[in-house]
C-alpha atoms as a PDB file:
ATOM      1  CA  UNK A   1      -9.924 -49.099   9.108  1.00  0.00           C
ATOM      2  CA  UNK A   2      -9.792 -52.864   9.113  1.00  0.00           C
ATOM      3  CA  UNK A   3      -7.314 -54.273  11.582  1.00  0.00           C
ATOM      4  CA  UNK A   4      -5.801 -57.453  10.165  1.00  0.00           C
ATOM      5  CA  UNK A   5      -3.581 -59.385  12.477  1.00  0.00           C
ATOM      6  CA  UNK A   6      -1.748 -62.679  11.919  1.00  0.00           C
ATOM      7  CA  UNK A   7      -4.535 -64.727  13.465  1.00  0.00           C
ATOM      8  CA  UNK A   8      -7.179 -63.134  11.217  1.00  0.00           C
ATOM      9  CA  UNK A   9      -5.056 -63.680   8.084  1.00  0.00           C
ATOM     10  CA  UNK A  10      -4.597 -67.334   9.041  1.00  0.00           C
ATOM     11  CA  UNK A  11      -8.362 -67.744   9.523  1.00  0.00           C
ATOM     12  CA  UNK A  12      -9.033 -66.150   6.073  1.00  0.00           C
ATOM     13  CA  UNK A  13      -6.461 -68.493   4.488  1.00  0.00           C
ATOM     14  CA  UNK A  14      -8.079 -71.632   6.064  1.00  0.00           C
ATOM     15  CA  UNK A  15     -11.564 -70.528   4.924  1.00  0.00           C
ATOM     16  CA  UNK A  16     -10.249 -69.828   1.376  1.00  0.00           C
ATOM     17  CA  UNK A  17      -8.574 -73.268   1.302  1.00  0.00           C
ATOM     18  CA  UNK A  18     -11.805 -74.983   2.308  1.00  0.00           C
ATOM     19  CA  UNK A  19     -14.052 -72.930  -0.020  1.00  0.00           C
ATOM     20  CA  UNK A  20     -11.834 -72.738  -3.134  1.00  0.00           C
ATOM     21  CA  UNK A  21      -9.962 -75.948  -2.791  1.00  0.00           C
ATOM     22  CA  UNK A  22      -6.236 -76.740  -2.759  1.00  0.00           C
ATOM     23  CA  UNK A  23      -5.845 -77.090  -6.554  1.00  0.00           C
ATOM     24  CA  UNK A  24      -7.387 -73.673  -7.417  1.00  0.00           C
ATOM     25  CA  UNK A  25      -6.043 -71.736  -4.399  1.00  0.00           C
ATOM     26  CA  UNK A  26      -2.691 -70.635  -5.967  1.00  0.00           C
ATOM     27  CA  UNK A  27      -4.471 -69.326  -9.083  1.00  0.00           C
ATOM     28  CA  UNK A  28      -7.036 -67.417  -6.989  1.00  0.00           C
ATOM     29  CA  UNK A  29      -4.289 -66.022  -4.737  1.00  0.00           C
ATOM     30  CA  UNK A  30      -2.305 -64.843  -7.792  1.00  0.00           C
ATOM     31  CA  UNK A  31      -5.419 -63.192  -9.243  1.00  0.00           C
ATOM     32  CA  UNK A  32      -6.231 -61.538  -5.873  1.00  0.00           C
ATOM     33  CA  UNK A  33      -2.642 -60.213  -5.675  1.00  0.00           C
ATOM     34  CA  UNK A  34      -2.793 -58.723  -9.170  1.00  0.00           C
ATOM     35  CA  UNK A  35      -6.174 -57.124  -8.434  1.00  0.00           C
ATOM     36  CA  UNK A  36      -4.840 -55.735  -5.173  1.00  0.00           C
ATOM     37  CA  UNK A  37      -1.772 -54.313  -7.019  1.00  0.00           C
ATOM     38  CA  UNK A  38      -3.978 -52.710  -9.678  1.00  0.00           C
ATOM     39  CA  UNK A  39      -6.155 -51.167  -6.976  1.00  0.00           C
ATOM     40  CA  UNK A  40      -3.081 -49.728  -5.239  1.00  0.00           C
ATOM     41  CA  UNK A  41      -1.720 -48.273  -8.510  1.00  0.00           C
ATOM     42  CA  UNK A  42      -5.115 -46.743  -9.303  1.00  0.00           C
ATOM     43  CA  UNK A  43      -5.323 -45.185  -5.834  1.00  0.00           C
ATOM     44  CA  UNK A  44      -1.770 -43.790  -6.197  1.00  0.00           C
ATOM     45  CA  UNK A  45      -2.625 -42.341  -9.624  1.00  0.00           C
ATOM     46  CA  UNK A  46      -5.738 -40.673  -8.208  1.00  0.00           C
ATOM     47  CA  UNK A  47      -3.724 -39.252  -5.310  1.00  0.00           C
ATOM     48  CA  UNK A  48      -1.036 -37.871  -7.625  1.00  0.00           C
ATOM     49  CA  UNK A  49      -3.658 -36.393  -9.955  1.00  0.00           C
ATOM     50  CA  UNK A  50      -5.403 -34.699  -7.041  1.00  0.00           C
ATOM     51  CA  UNK A  51      -2.085 -33.287  -5.785  1.00  0.00           C
ATOM     52  CA  UNK A  52      -1.242 -32.015  -9.310  1.00  0.00           C
ATOM     53  CA  UNK A  53      -4.627 -30.296  -9.497  1.00  0.00           C
ATOM     54  CA  UNK A  54      -4.021 -28.684  -6.115  1.00  0.00           C
ATOM     55  CA  UNK A  55      -0.590 -27.487  -7.267  1.00  0.00           C
ATOM     56  CA  UNK A  56      -2.100 -26.129 -10.492  1.00  0.00           C
ATOM     57  CA  UNK A  57      -4.717 -24.237  -8.501  1.00  0.00           C
ATOM     58  CA  UNK A  58      -1.996 -22.778  -6.287  1.00  0.00           C
ATOM     59  CA  UNK A  59       0.046 -21.792  -9.351  1.00  0.00           C
ATOM     60  CA  UNK A  60      -3.004 -20.159 -10.921  1.00  0.00           C
ATOM     61  CA  UNK A  61      -3.622 -18.198  -7.722  1.00  0.00           C
ATOM     62  CA  UNK A  62       0.031 -17.132  -7.607  1.00  0.00           C
ATOM     63  CA  UNK A  63      -0.077 -16.121 -11.292  1.00  0.00           C
ATOM     64  CA  UNK A  64      -3.197 -14.058 -10.664  1.00  0.00           C
ATOM     65  CA  UNK A  65      -1.545 -12.344  -7.680  1.00  0.00           C
ATOM     66  CA  UNK A  66       1.578 -11.562  -9.729  1.00  0.00           C
ATOM     67  CA  UNK A  67      -0.523 -10.124 -12.551  1.00  0.00           C
ATOM     68  CA  UNK A  68      -2.405  -7.938 -10.087  1.00  0.00           C
ATOM     69  CA  UNK A  69       0.873  -6.752  -8.542  1.00  0.00           C
ATOM     70  CA  UNK A  70       2.306  -5.999 -11.991  1.00  0.00           C
ATOM     71  CA  UNK A  71      -0.761  -4.010 -13.022  1.00  0.00           C
ATOM     72  CA  UNK A  72      -0.674  -2.036  -9.768  1.00  0.00           C
ATOM     73  CA  UNK A  73       3.011  -1.232 -10.272  1.00  0.00           C
ATOM     74  CA  UNK A  74       2.298  -0.230 -13.872  1.00  0.00           C
ATOM     75  CA  UNK A  75      -0.514   2.046 -12.733  1.00  0.00           C
ATOM     76  CA  UNK A  76       1.642   3.737 -10.083  1.00  0.00           C
ATOM     77  CA  UNK A  77       4.434   4.269 -12.601  1.00  0.00           C
ATOM     78  CA  UNK A  78       1.962   5.732 -15.084  1.00  0.00           C
ATOM     79  CA  UNK A  79       0.611   8.052 -12.374  1.00  0.00           C
ATOM     80  CA  UNK A  80       4.105   9.205 -11.412  1.00  0.00           C
ATOM     81  CA  UNK A  81       5.025   9.843 -15.041  1.00  0.00           C
ATOM     82  CA  UNK A  82       1.829  11.844 -15.552  1.00  0.00           C
ATOM     83  CA  UNK A  83       2.525  13.892 -12.415  1.00  0.00           C
ATOM     84  CA  UNK A  84       6.087  14.585 -13.552  1.00  0.00           C
ATOM     85  CA  UNK A  85       4.873  15.652 -16.991  1.00  0.00           C
ATOM     86  CA  UNK A  86       2.395  18.092 -15.487  1.00  0.00           C
ATOM     87  CA  UNK A  87       5.071  19.486 -13.151  1.00  0.00           C
ATOM     88  CA  UNK A  88       7.501  19.948 -16.030  1.00  0.00           C
ATOM     89  CA  UNK A  89       4.849  21.631 -18.147  1.00  0.00           C
ATOM     90  CA  UNK A  90       3.963  23.942 -15.254  1.00  0.00           C
ATOM     91  CA  UNK A  91       7.624  24.744 -14.716  1.00  0.00           C
ATOM     92  CA  UNK A  92       8.129  25.518 -18.390  1.00  0.00           C
ATOM     93  CA  UNK A  93       5.034  27.702 -18.435  1.00  0.00           C
ATOM     94  CA  UNK A  94       6.331  29.701 -15.440  1.00  0.00           C
ATOM     95  CA  UNK A  95       6.600  33.412 -16.404  1.00  0.00           C
ATOM     96  CA  UNK A  96       9.505  33.902 -13.961  1.00  0.00           C
ATOM     97  CA  UNK A  97      11.773  31.900 -16.241  1.00  0.00           C
ATOM     98  CA  UNK A  98      12.702  34.528 -18.768  1.00  0.00           C
ATOM     99  CA  UNK A  99      15.419  34.043 -21.363  1.00  0.00           C
ATOM    100  CA  UNK A 100      18.658  35.675 -20.257  1.00  0.00           C
ATOM    101  CA  UNK A 101      21.004  37.747 -22.343  1.00  0.00           C
ATOM    102  CA  UNK A 102      24.526  36.556 -23.267  1.00  0.00           C
ATOM    103  CA  UNK A 103      26.025  39.050 -20.826  1.00  0.00           C
ATOM    104  CA  UNK A 104      23.980  37.619 -17.957  1.00  0.00           C
ATOM    105  CA  UNK A 105      24.989  34.115 -18.964  1.00  0.00           C
ATOM    106  CA  UNK A 106      28.677  35.093 -18.940  1.00  0.00           C
ATOM    107  CA  UNK A 107      28.368  36.664 -15.472  1.00  0.00           C
ATOM    108  CA  UNK A 108      26.613  33.557 -14.151  1.00  0.00           C
ATOM    109  CA  UNK A 109      29.290  31.299 -15.652  1.00  0.00           C
ATOM    110  CA  UNK A 110      32.060  33.365 -14.061  1.00  0.00           C
ATOM    111  CA  UNK A 111      30.338  33.272 -10.668  1.00  0.00           C
ATOM    112  CA  UNK A 112      29.847  29.529 -11.021  1.00  0.00           C
ATOM    113  CA  UNK A 113      33.560  28.997 -11.711  1.00  0.00           C
ATOM    114  CA  UNK A 114      34.493  31.093  -8.680  1.00  0.00           C
ATOM    115  CA  UNK A 115      32.108  29.153  -6.447  1.00  0.00           C
ATOM    116  CA  UNK A 116      33.348  25.814  -7.753  1.00  0.00           C
ATOM    117  CA  UNK A 117      36.965  26.799  -7.219  1.00  0.00           C
ATOM    118  CA  UNK A 118      36.143  27.994  -3.697  1.00  0.00           C
ATOM    119  CA  UNK A 119      34.489  24.662  -2.887  1.00  0.00           C
ATOM    120  CA  UNK A 120      37.120  22.405  -4.383  1.00  0.00           C
ATOM    121  CA  UNK A 121      40.251  24.207  -3.180  1.00  0.00           C
ATOM    122  CA  UNK A 122      42.096  23.417   0.031  1.00  0.00           C
ATOM    123  CA  UNK A 123      43.315  27.015   0.445  1.00  0.00           C
ATOM    124  CA  UNK A 124      41.141  29.105   2.796  1.00  0.00           C
ATOM    125  CA  UNK A 125      39.017  31.770   1.135  1.00  0.00           C
ATOM    126  CA  UNK A 126      40.340  34.589   3.408  1.00  0.00           C
ATOM    127  CA  UNK A 127      43.859  33.818   2.185  1.00  0.00           C
ATOM    128  CA  UNK A 128      42.701  33.826  -1.411  1.00  0.00           C
ATOM    129  CA  UNK A 129      41.084  37.235  -0.958  1.00  0.00           C
ATOM    130  CA  UNK A 130      44.125  38.706   0.753  1.00  0.00           C
ATOM    131  CA  UNK A 131      46.703  37.281  -1.651  1.00  0.00           C
ATOM    132  CA  UNK A 132      44.688  37.109  -4.817  1.00  0.00           C
ATOM    133  CA  UNK A 133      46.888  39.527  -6.775  1.00  0.00           C
ATOM    134  CA  UNK A 134      50.070  38.405  -8.456  1.00  0.00           C
ATOM    135  CA  UNK A 135      53.050  40.523  -7.606  1.00  0.00           C
ATOM    136  CA  UNK A 136      55.510  38.971 -10.012  1.00  0.00           C
ATOM    137  CA  UNK A 137      54.595  37.852 -13.509  1.00  0.00           C
ATOM    138  CA  UNK A 138      56.784  35.207 -15.134  1.00  0.00           C
ATOM    139  CA  UNK A 139      56.937  34.502 -18.855  1.00  0.00           C
ATOM    140  CA  UNK A 140      56.374  31.046 -20.289  1.00  0.00           C
ATOM    141  CA  UNK A 141      60.036  30.568 -21.233  1.00  0.00           C
ATOM    142  CA  UNK A 142      61.204  31.636 -17.778  1.00  0.00           C
ATOM    143  CA  UNK A 143      58.722  29.235 -16.172  1.00  0.00           C
ATOM    144  CA  UNK A 144      60.014  26.350 -18.339  1.00  0.00           C
ATOM    145  CA  UNK A 145      63.611  27.221 -17.478  1.00  0.00           C
ATOM    146  CA  UNK A 146      62.820  27.445 -13.786  1.00  0.00           C
ATOM    147  CA  UNK A 147      60.999  24.125 -13.540  1.00  0.00           C
ATOM    148  CA  UNK A 148      63.330  22.183 -15.859  1.00  0.00           C
ATOM    149  CA  UNK A 149      64.910  19.161 -14.073  1.00  0.00           C
ATOM    150  CA  UNK A 150      68.481  19.617 -12.865  1.00  0.00           C
ATOM    151  CA  UNK A 151      69.872  16.938 -15.191  1.00  0.00           C
ATOM    152  CA  UNK A 152      68.358  18.673 -18.231  1.00  0.00           C
ATOM    153  CA  UNK A 153      69.794  22.046 -17.157  1.00  0.00           C
ATOM    154  CA  UNK A 154      73.364  20.758 -17.146  1.00  0.00           C
ATOM    155  CA  UNK A 155      73.198  19.200 -20.603  1.00  0.00           C
ATOM    156  CA  UNK A 156      71.507  22.178 -22.312  1.00  0.00           C
ATOM    157  CA  UNK A 157      73.345  24.871 -20.364  1.00  0.00           C
ATOM    158  CA  UNK A 158      76.773  24.367 -21.988  1.00  0.00           C
ATOM    159  CA  UNK A 159      77.152  24.066 -25.718  1.00  0.00           C
ATOM    160  CA  UNK A 160      80.977  23.744 -25.575  1.00  0.00           C
ATOM    161  CA  UNK A 161      82.603  20.463 -25.033  1.00  0.00           C
END
């Protein structure tokens, strides 16, 4: 790189004044400045174009990587779907899965309800087994009368006023 100090610039100016002359020196200096400005703009344009090309190359590489990743994901999904289809077909072709009769379905449904009730209830199962039988059966009308609010009992209980 050229090292231009103040003394060297002054020497170049004196030589240019002697060679070009004082009347043409401002015109030559103006022309040199415009040429220097054009050169700087051209260099900046080349730099920006090179950086854009580098960015485009990076974007192309990234796009290629994303496409490869997408195809690999697609292939794994397709493989998993194919495996699941074969497993389902094998399961459906299993001779152990025989159609059940309506009686067997009813028994299974009853057992399922019992199991679900046993899981979801807060009452212990030993208590349910011991006290599973009702000792006193109440009719629907008696149940309504028993659980009717106290205010409703007073108003409906007496028809005389």
